[in-house]
Amino acid sequence: MITKRSFLAGLAAAALAPAAPALAHPVRLDPKFLPQTVRYRGHPPGTIVVDTGNHFLYLQLSGGRARRYGVGVGRAGLAFKGGAVVGRKARWPRWTPTQNMIRREPHKYARYAGGVPGGPGNPLGARALYLYRGGRDTMYRIHGTNQPGSIGRSVSNGCIRMINDHVVDLYERVPVGAQVVVL
């Protein structure tokens, strides 16, 4: 029999338990966007190659192989192209919209001008690789996302999005200084 004390203790425990994100409609990722080892060559091992047209990121391995991940990329006119290096890495990074993002869509981004602390609700997700060119931050990132339905699409403000578990895997494999080529 439930006593008043056990009922109240149960309520208190439920209130203090961490909330799990609830997905009313879980996103089903096309299997081609799951991490897998594929045949791929043309770059030195350790190079990250992003094929924006096909929504894939490759981590070049030795022996003509690569680790391939599905990604979401920048919508038309906002995508990063060319070479860069991983200049910095962060776990559960803080996110602040760029001035260009605020200028383009103030109704959406102005309220976040002071930044958003890292965590599951943060748009940069679980990890971020910061892309640098000529020793300077490009303001573009390879990062996780709290919008898994964006993988395989061109919808972002230019950054390269990955499923959080996938970006954690990449983060562990790639050192600061790794070369990045965005096609």
C-alpha atoms as a PDB file:
ATOM      1  CA  MET A   1       0.000   0.000   0.000  1.00  0.00           C
ATOM      2  CA  ILE A   2       1.285   3.472  -0.849  1.00  0.00           C
ATOM      3  CA  THR A   3       1.710   5.748   2.120  1.00  0.00           C
ATOM      4  CA  LYS A   4       1.586   9.506   1.993  1.00  0.00           C
ATOM      5  CA  ARG A   5       5.310   9.554   2.824  1.00  0.00           C
ATOM      6  CA  SER A   6       6.315   7.194  -0.030  1.00  0.00           C
ATOM      7  CA  PHE A   7       4.075   9.082  -2.462  1.00  0.00           C
ATOM      8  CA  LEU A   8       5.693  12.422  -1.559  1.00  0.00           C
ATOM      9  CA  ALA A   9       9.175  10.889  -1.695  1.00  0.00           C
ATOM     10  CA  GLY A  10       8.408   9.571  -5.188  1.00  0.00           C
ATOM     11  CA  LEU A  11       7.213  12.990  -6.320  1.00  0.00           C
ATOM     12  CA  ALA A  12      10.358  14.624  -4.967  1.00  0.00           C
ATOM     13  CA  ALA A  13      12.591  12.065  -6.689  1.00  0.00           C
ATOM     14  CA  ALA A  14      10.782  12.566  -9.994  1.00  0.00           C
ATOM     15  CA  ALA A  15      11.101  16.331  -9.718  1.00  0.00           C
ATOM     16  CA  LEU A  16      14.850  16.117  -9.090  1.00  0.00           C
ATOM     17  CA  ALA A  17      15.595  13.524 -11.781  1.00  0.00           C
ATOM     18  CA  PRO A  18      17.292  14.890 -14.912  1.00  0.00           C
ATOM     19  CA  ALA A  19      14.830  15.365 -17.708  1.00  0.00           C
ATOM     20  CA  ALA A  20      15.385  13.188 -20.751  1.00  0.00           C
ATOM     21  CA  PRO A  21      14.738  14.893 -24.070  1.00  0.00           C
ATOM     22  CA  ALA A  22      11.465  13.625 -25.467  1.00  0.00           C
ATOM     23  CA  LEU A  23      11.055  13.236 -29.186  1.00  0.00           C
ATOM     24  CA  ALA A  24       7.426  13.042 -30.228  1.00  0.00           C
ATOM     25  CA  HIS A  25       8.547  11.745 -33.623  1.00  0.00           C
ATOM     26  CA  PRO A  26      12.033  10.212 -33.471  1.00  0.00           C
ATOM     27  CA  VAL A  27      14.138  11.105 -36.486  1.00  0.00           C
ATOM     28  CA  ARG A  28      15.098   8.168 -38.673  1.00  0.00           C
ATOM     29  CA  LEU A  29      18.478   8.763 -40.221  1.00  0.00           C
ATOM     30  CA  ASP A  30      19.002   7.373 -43.706  1.00  0.00           C
ATOM     31  CA  PRO A  31      21.514   4.511 -43.251  1.00  0.00           C
ATOM     32  CA  LYS A  32      23.881   6.101 -45.779  1.00  0.00           C
ATOM     33  CA  PHE A  33      24.447   8.925 -43.251  1.00  0.00           C
ATOM     34  CA  LEU A  34      25.575   6.560 -40.474  1.00  0.00           C
ATOM     35  CA  PRO A  35      29.338   6.425 -39.791  1.00  0.00           C
ATOM     36  CA  GLN A  36      31.046   3.794 -41.888  1.00  0.00           C
ATOM     37  CA  THR A  37      34.399   2.992 -43.427  1.00  0.00           C
ATOM     38  CA  VAL A  38      34.413   3.456 -47.190  1.00  0.00           C
ATOM     39  CA  ARG A  39      36.924   3.460 -50.042  1.00  0.00           C
ATOM     40  CA  TYR A  40      38.230   6.997 -50.469  1.00  0.00           C
ATOM     41  CA  ARG A  41      41.558   8.488 -51.475  1.00  0.00           C
ATOM     42  CA  GLY A  42      43.179  11.686 -52.554  1.00  0.00           C
ATOM     43  CA  HIS A  43      44.238  13.303 -49.270  1.00  0.00           C
ATOM     44  CA  PRO A  44      46.822  12.589 -46.581  1.00  0.00           C
ATOM     45  CA  PRO A  45      45.602  10.494 -43.635  1.00  0.00           C
ATOM     46  CA  GLY A  46      44.033  12.659 -40.934  1.00  0.00           C
ATOM     47  CA  THR A  47      42.566  15.170 -43.398  1.00  0.00           C
ATOM     48  CA  ILE A  48      38.871  16.021 -43.039  1.00  0.00           C
ATOM     49  CA  VAL A  49      37.108  16.405 -46.397  1.00  0.00           C
ATOM     50  CA  VAL A  50      33.561  17.756 -46.514  1.00  0.00           C
ATOM     51  CA  ASP A  51      31.574  17.013 -49.662  1.00  0.00           C
ATOM     52  CA  THR A  52      28.809  19.594 -49.261  1.00  0.00           C
ATOM     53  CA  GLY A  53      26.984  18.554 -52.440  1.00  0.00           C
ATOM     54  CA  ASN A  54      26.486  15.007 -51.170  1.00  0.00           C
ATOM     55  CA  HIS A  55      26.261  15.836 -47.444  1.00  0.00           C
ATOM     56  CA  PHE A  56      29.200  13.691 -46.351  1.00  0.00           C
ATOM     57  CA  LEU A  57      32.254  14.341 -44.202  1.00  0.00           C
ATOM     58  CA  TYR A  58      35.246  12.032 -44.719  1.00  0.00           C
ATOM     59  CA  LEU A  59      38.104  11.519 -42.308  1.00  0.00           C
ATOM     60  CA  GLN A  60      40.849  10.218 -44.590  1.00  0.00           C
ATOM     61  CA  LEU A  61      42.491   7.065 -43.236  1.00  0.00           C
ATOM     62  CA  SER A  62      45.454   5.152 -44.628  1.00  0.00           C
ATOM     63  CA  GLY A  63      45.177   2.544 -47.348  1.00  0.00           C
ATOM     64  CA  GLY A  64      42.613   4.314 -49.515  1.00  0.00           C
ATOM     65  CA  ARG A  65      39.929   4.260 -46.847  1.00  0.00           C
ATOM     66  CA  ALA A  66      38.009   6.921 -44.944  1.00  0.00           C
ATOM     67  CA  ARG A  67      35.556   7.172 -42.078  1.00  0.00           C
ATOM     68  CA  ARG A  68      32.398   8.689 -43.605  1.00  0.00           C
ATOM     69  CA  TYR A  69      29.687  10.572 -41.709  1.00  0.00           C
ATOM     70  CA  GLY A  70      26.488  12.242 -42.864  1.00  0.00           C
ATOM     71  CA  VAL A  71      26.316  16.019 -42.345  1.00  0.00           C
ATOM     72  CA  GLY A  72      24.048  19.007 -42.707  1.00  0.00           C
ATOM     73  CA  VAL A  73      25.624  21.980 -44.462  1.00  0.00           C
ATOM     74  CA  GLY A  74      25.089  25.678 -45.144  1.00  0.00           C
ATOM     75  CA  ARG A  75      22.162  26.772 -47.238  1.00  0.00           C
ATOM     76  CA  ALA A  76      22.823  28.516 -50.545  1.00  0.00           C
ATOM     77  CA  GLY A  77      25.116  31.503 -50.196  1.00  0.00           C
ATOM     78  CA  LEU A  78      26.163  30.722 -46.630  1.00  0.00           C
ATOM     79  CA  ALA A  79      28.373  27.671 -47.009  1.00  0.00           C
ATOM     80  CA  PHE A  80      32.076  27.666 -46.180  1.00  0.00           C
ATOM     81  CA  LYS A  81      34.351  26.513 -49.028  1.00  0.00           C
ATOM     82  CA  GLY A  82      38.072  25.873 -49.324  1.00  0.00           C
ATOM     83  CA  GLY A  83      40.849  24.910 -46.944  1.00  0.00           C
ATOM     84  CA  ALA A  84      41.201  25.404 -43.212  1.00  0.00           C
ATOM     85  CA  VAL A  85      42.723  23.764 -40.151  1.00  0.00           C
ATOM     86  CA  VAL A  86      41.168  22.672 -36.902  1.00  0.00           C
ATOM     87  CA  GLY A  87      42.357  25.570 -34.762  1.00  0.00           C
ATOM     88  CA  ARG A  88      40.556  24.619 -31.569  1.00  0.00           C
ATOM     89  CA  LYS A  89      38.283  21.933 -30.165  1.00  0.00           C
ATOM     90  CA  ALA A  90      35.621  22.219 -27.457  1.00  0.00           C
ATOM     91  CA  ARG A  91      33.388  19.883 -25.444  1.00  0.00           C
ATOM     92  CA  TRP A  92      29.824  21.177 -24.941  1.00  0.00           C
ATOM     93  CA  PRO A  93      30.825  24.540 -26.442  1.00  0.00           C
ATOM     94  CA  ARG A  94      29.175  27.844 -25.711  1.00  0.00           C
ATOM     95  CA  TRP A  95      27.340  29.283 -28.733  1.00  0.00           C
ATOM     96  CA  THR A  96      26.938  32.910 -29.727  1.00  0.00           C
ATOM     97  CA  PRO A  97      25.329  33.842 -33.050  1.00  0.00           C
ATOM     98  CA  THR A  98      27.562  35.845 -35.365  1.00  0.00           C
ATOM     99  CA  GLN A  99      26.785  39.476 -36.106  1.00  0.00           C
ATOM    100  CA  ASN A 100      25.846  38.438 -39.654  1.00  0.00           C
ATOM    101  CA  MET A 101      23.305  35.929 -38.310  1.00  0.00           C
ATOM    102  CA  ILE A 102      21.776  38.591 -36.059  1.00  0.00           C
ATOM    103  CA  ARG A 103      21.696  41.091 -38.926  1.00  0.00           C
ATOM    104  CA  ARG A 104      20.049  38.580 -41.331  1.00  0.00           C
ATOM    105  CA  GLU A 105      17.462  37.276 -38.874  1.00  0.00           C
ATOM    106  CA  PRO A 106      17.214  39.540 -35.816  1.00  0.00           C
ATOM    107  CA  HIS A 107      13.852  38.082 -34.783  1.00  0.00           C
ATOM    108  CA  LYS A 108      15.473  34.665 -34.476  1.00  0.00           C
ATOM    109  CA  TYR A 109      18.974  35.426 -33.151  1.00  0.00           C
ATOM    110  CA  ALA A 110      19.100  38.815 -31.373  1.00  0.00           C
ATOM    111  CA  ARG A 111      17.889  37.342 -28.070  1.00  0.00           C
ATOM    112  CA  TYR A 112      20.960  35.057 -28.062  1.00  0.00           C
ATOM    113  CA  ALA A 113      23.510  37.839 -28.661  1.00  0.00           C
ATOM    114  CA  GLY A 114      24.934  37.252 -25.170  1.00  0.00           C
ATOM    115  CA  GLY A 115      25.506  33.573 -25.913  1.00  0.00           C
ATOM    116  CA  VAL A 116      24.053  30.233 -24.882  1.00  0.00           C
ATOM    117  CA  PRO A 117      25.892  28.004 -22.389  1.00  0.00           C
ATOM    118  CA  GLY A 118      27.000  24.563 -23.551  1.00  0.00           C
ATOM    119  CA  GLY A 119      24.610  21.670 -23.028  1.00  0.00           C
ATOM    120  CA  PRO A 120      22.020  19.512 -24.797  1.00  0.00           C
ATOM    121  CA  GLY A 121      19.892  22.510 -25.828  1.00  0.00           C
ATOM    122  CA  ASN A 122      22.816  24.398 -27.356  1.00  0.00           C
ATOM    123  CA  PRO A 123      22.849  24.596 -31.196  1.00  0.00           C
ATOM    124  CA  LEU A 124      26.532  23.521 -31.328  1.00  0.00           C
ATOM    125  CA  GLY A 125      25.712  20.205 -29.697  1.00  0.00           C
ATOM    126  CA  ALA A 126      28.161  17.969 -27.848  1.00  0.00           C
ATOM    127  CA  ARG A 127      31.438  18.967 -29.545  1.00  0.00           C
ATOM    128  CA  ALA A 128      32.838  21.560 -31.924  1.00  0.00           C
ATOM    129  CA  LEU A 129      35.884  21.758 -34.162  1.00  0.00           C
ATOM    130  CA  TYR A 130      36.703  25.414 -34.894  1.00  0.00           C
ATOM    131  CA  LEU A 131      37.937  26.098 -38.423  1.00  0.00           C
ATOM    132  CA  TYR A 132      40.840  28.518 -38.803  1.00  0.00           C
ATOM    133  CA  ARG A 133      42.426  29.987 -41.924  1.00  0.00           C
ATOM    134  CA  GLY A 134      45.677  31.954 -41.835  1.00  0.00           C
ATOM    135  CA  GLY A 135      45.752  31.703 -38.036  1.00  0.00           C
ATOM    136  CA  ARG A 136      42.331  33.369 -37.680  1.00  0.00           C
ATOM    137  CA  ASP A 137      38.972  31.936 -36.665  1.00  0.00           C
ATOM    138  CA  THR A 138      36.712  31.717 -39.731  1.00  0.00           C
ATOM    139  CA  MET A 139      33.588  31.609 -37.497  1.00  0.00           C
ATOM    140  CA  TYR A 140      32.708  28.279 -39.156  1.00  0.00           C
ATOM    141  CA  ARG A 141      32.517  25.049 -37.179  1.00  0.00           C
ATOM    142  CA  ILE A 142      32.106  21.325 -37.552  1.00  0.00           C
ATOM    143  CA  HIS A 143      29.747  20.669 -34.664  1.00  0.00           C
ATOM    144  CA  GLY A 144      26.978  18.555 -33.215  1.00  0.00           C
ATOM    145  CA  THR A 145      23.334  19.451 -33.525  1.00  0.00           C
ATOM    146  CA  ASN A 146      20.139  19.263 -31.518  1.00  0.00           C
ATOM    147  CA  GLN A 147      18.298  19.066 -34.879  1.00  0.00           C
ATOM    148  CA  PRO A 148      19.138  15.592 -36.231  1.00  0.00           C
ATOM    149  CA  GLY A 149      16.590  16.023 -39.030  1.00  0.00           C
ATOM    150  CA  SER A 150      18.969  18.543 -40.636  1.00  0.00           C
ATOM    151  CA  ILE A 151      21.486  15.815 -41.539  1.00  0.00           C
ATOM    152  CA  GLY A 152      21.516  15.305 -45.313  1.00  0.00           C
ATOM    153  CA  ARG A 153      20.172  18.801 -45.931  1.00  0.00           C
ATOM    154  CA  SER A 154      21.491  22.290 -46.751  1.00  0.00           C
ATOM    155  CA  VAL A 155      19.867  24.370 -44.017  1.00  0.00           C
ATOM    156  CA  SER A 156      22.484  25.814 -41.669  1.00  0.00           C
ATOM    157  CA  ASN A 157      24.078  29.259 -41.456  1.00  0.00           C
ATOM    158  CA  GLY A 158      27.214  27.800 -43.000  1.00  0.00           C
ATOM    159  CA  CYS A 159      28.550  25.426 -40.381  1.00  0.00           C
ATOM    160  CA  ILE A 160      28.824  21.681 -40.840  1.00  0.00           C
ATOM    161  CA  ARG A 161      26.421  19.797 -38.556  1.00  0.00           C
ATOM    162  CA  MET A 162      26.715  16.226 -37.353  1.00  0.00           C
ATOM    163  CA  ILE A 163      24.692  13.925 -35.106  1.00  0.00           C
ATOM    164  CA  ASN A 164      26.042  14.452 -31.565  1.00  0.00           C
ATOM    165  CA  ASP A 165      27.332  10.867 -31.193  1.00  0.00           C
ATOM    166  CA  HIS A 166      29.049  11.165 -34.579  1.00  0.00           C
ATOM    167  CA  VAL A 167      30.792  14.460 -33.798  1.00  0.00           C
ATOM    168  CA  VAL A 168      31.999  12.986 -30.489  1.00  0.00           C
ATOM    169  CA  ASP A 169      33.550  10.116 -32.478  1.00  0.00           C
ATOM    170  CA  LEU A 170      35.205  12.541 -34.928  1.00  0.00           C
ATOM    171  CA  TYR A 171      36.370  14.814 -32.083  1.00  0.00           C
ATOM    172  CA  GLU A 172      38.234  11.893 -30.477  1.00  0.00           C
ATOM    173  CA  ARG A 173      39.947  10.980 -33.776  1.00  0.00           C
ATOM    174  CA  VAL A 174      41.072  14.454 -34.940  1.00  0.00           C
ATOM    175  CA  PRO A 175      43.821  16.600 -33.367  1.00  0.00           C
ATOM    176  CA  VAL A 176      44.072  20.367 -33.357  1.00  0.00           C
ATOM    177  CA  GLY A 177      46.011  21.252 -36.503  1.00  0.00           C
ATOM    178  CA  ALA A 178      44.251  18.690 -38.739  1.00  0.00           C
ATOM    179  CA  GLN A 179      43.722  19.865 -42.306  1.00  0.00           C
ATOM    180  CA  VAL A 180      40.146  20.476 -43.495  1.00  0.00           C
ATOM    181  CA  VAL A 181      39.015  20.714 -47.124  1.00  0.00           C
ATOM    182  CA  VAL A 182      35.441  21.815 -47.842  1.00  0.00           C
ATOM    183  CA  LEU A 183      34.380  21.107 -51.425  1.00  0.00           C
END
